[in-house]
């Protein structure tokens, strides 16, 4: 196995981990109901509908990040999304 193939595999693994984190750790909390969710979002000034939409955007960015042709655009969108946080 040459160095180029190892780098490609490492890139895919890191991309998969990032996408899994965005979907499982971040977006999933916006889709599920849990105790205190409405109060916490109200305290932040957001409705649950807005948070659901943000969860959809996170999943869309994560999926785009896994597609090689759209990974660059997804990286820009992800940087803009996280930069605004």
Protein backbone atom coordinates (compact mmCIF):
# COMPACT_ATOMS: atom_id res chain seq x y z
CA UNK A 1 0.00 0.00 0.00
CA UNK A 2 1.55 3.28 -1.07
CA UNK A 3 1.39 6.61 0.73
CA UNK A 4 -1.29 8.06 -1.52
CA UNK A 5 -3.69 5.23 -0.79
CA UNK A 6 -3.06 5.54 2.97
CA UNK A 7 -3.79 9.28 2.82
CA UNK A 8 -6.99 8.66 0.88
CA UNK A 9 -8.16 6.11 3.45
CA UNK A 10 -7.28 8.47 6.30
CA UNK A 11 -9.23 11.25 4.58
CA UNK A 12 -12.30 9.03 4.21
CA UNK A 13 -12.10 7.96 7.85
CA UNK A 14 -11.84 11.55 9.08
CA UNK A 15 -14.67 12.66 6.79
CA UNK A 16 -16.84 9.83 8.08
CA UNK A 17 -16.08 10.69 11.70
CA UNK A 18 -16.90 14.36 11.15
CA UNK A 19 -20.16 13.51 9.40
CA UNK A 20 -21.09 10.99 12.09
CA UNK A 21 -20.43 13.60 14.78
CA UNK A 22 -22.59 16.19 13.00
CA UNK A 23 -25.46 13.77 12.52
CA UNK A 24 -25.34 11.80 15.78
CA UNK A 25 -24.10 14.27 18.36
CA UNK A 26 -25.41 17.56 17.05
CA UNK A 27 -28.41 17.11 14.76
CA UNK A 28 -30.02 14.19 16.57
CA UNK A 29 -30.66 16.33 19.65
CA UNK A 30 -32.62 18.75 17.53
CA UNK A 31 -34.87 16.00 16.16
CA UNK A 32 -35.69 14.19 19.39
CA UNK A 33 -37.90 15.38 22.22
CA UNK A 34 -36.34 15.53 25.64
CA UNK A 35 -37.22 17.13 28.94
CA UNK A 36 -36.53 20.85 29.05
CA UNK A 37 -35.98 21.23 25.30
CA UNK A 38 -38.71 23.84 24.76
CA UNK A 39 -37.63 25.89 27.79
CA UNK A 40 -33.97 25.85 26.78
CA UNK A 41 -34.69 26.92 23.21
CA UNK A 42 -37.10 29.60 24.44
CA UNK A 43 -34.37 30.92 26.72
CA UNK A 44 -32.08 31.16 23.68
CA UNK A 45 -34.81 32.92 21.71
CA UNK A 46 -35.43 30.06 19.26
CA UNK A 47 -38.53 28.02 18.55
CA UNK A 48 -38.46 24.26 18.17
CA UNK A 49 -39.33 24.64 14.47
CA UNK A 50 -36.20 26.71 13.88
CA UNK A 51 -34.07 24.17 15.69
CA UNK A 52 -35.56 21.38 13.56
CA UNK A 53 -34.58 23.35 10.45
CA UNK A 54 -31.06 23.82 11.79
CA UNK A 55 -30.87 20.06 12.36
CA UNK A 56 -31.88 19.46 8.72
CA UNK A 57 -29.15 21.86 7.57
CA UNK A 58 -26.57 20.03 9.70
CA UNK A 59 -27.55 16.66 8.21
CA UNK A 60 -27.47 18.11 4.68
CA UNK A 61 -23.98 19.51 5.22
CA UNK A 62 -22.80 16.19 6.65
CA UNK A 63 -24.13 14.29 3.62
CA UNK A 64 -22.59 16.81 1.22
CA UNK A 65 -19.28 16.41 3.03
CA UNK A 66 -19.26 12.69 2.22
CA UNK A 67 -19.74 13.24 -1.53
CA UNK A 68 -16.33 13.92 -3.12
CA UNK A 69 -17.61 16.43 -5.70
CA UNK A 70 -19.40 18.53 -3.08
CA UNK A 71 -16.97 18.12 -0.18
CA UNK A 72 -15.28 21.48 -0.83
CA UNK A 73 -18.59 23.36 -0.81
CA UNK A 74 -19.65 21.44 2.30
CA UNK A 75 -16.40 22.41 4.04
CA UNK A 76 -17.11 26.08 3.29
CA UNK A 77 -20.70 25.75 4.52
CA UNK A 78 -19.53 23.93 7.64
CA UNK A 79 -16.96 26.64 8.39
CA UNK A 80 -19.64 29.33 7.94
CA UNK A 81 -22.11 27.43 10.12
CA UNK A 82 -19.64 26.77 12.93
CA UNK A 83 -18.15 30.24 12.62
CA UNK A 84 -21.54 31.76 13.33
CA UNK A 85 -22.06 29.64 16.42
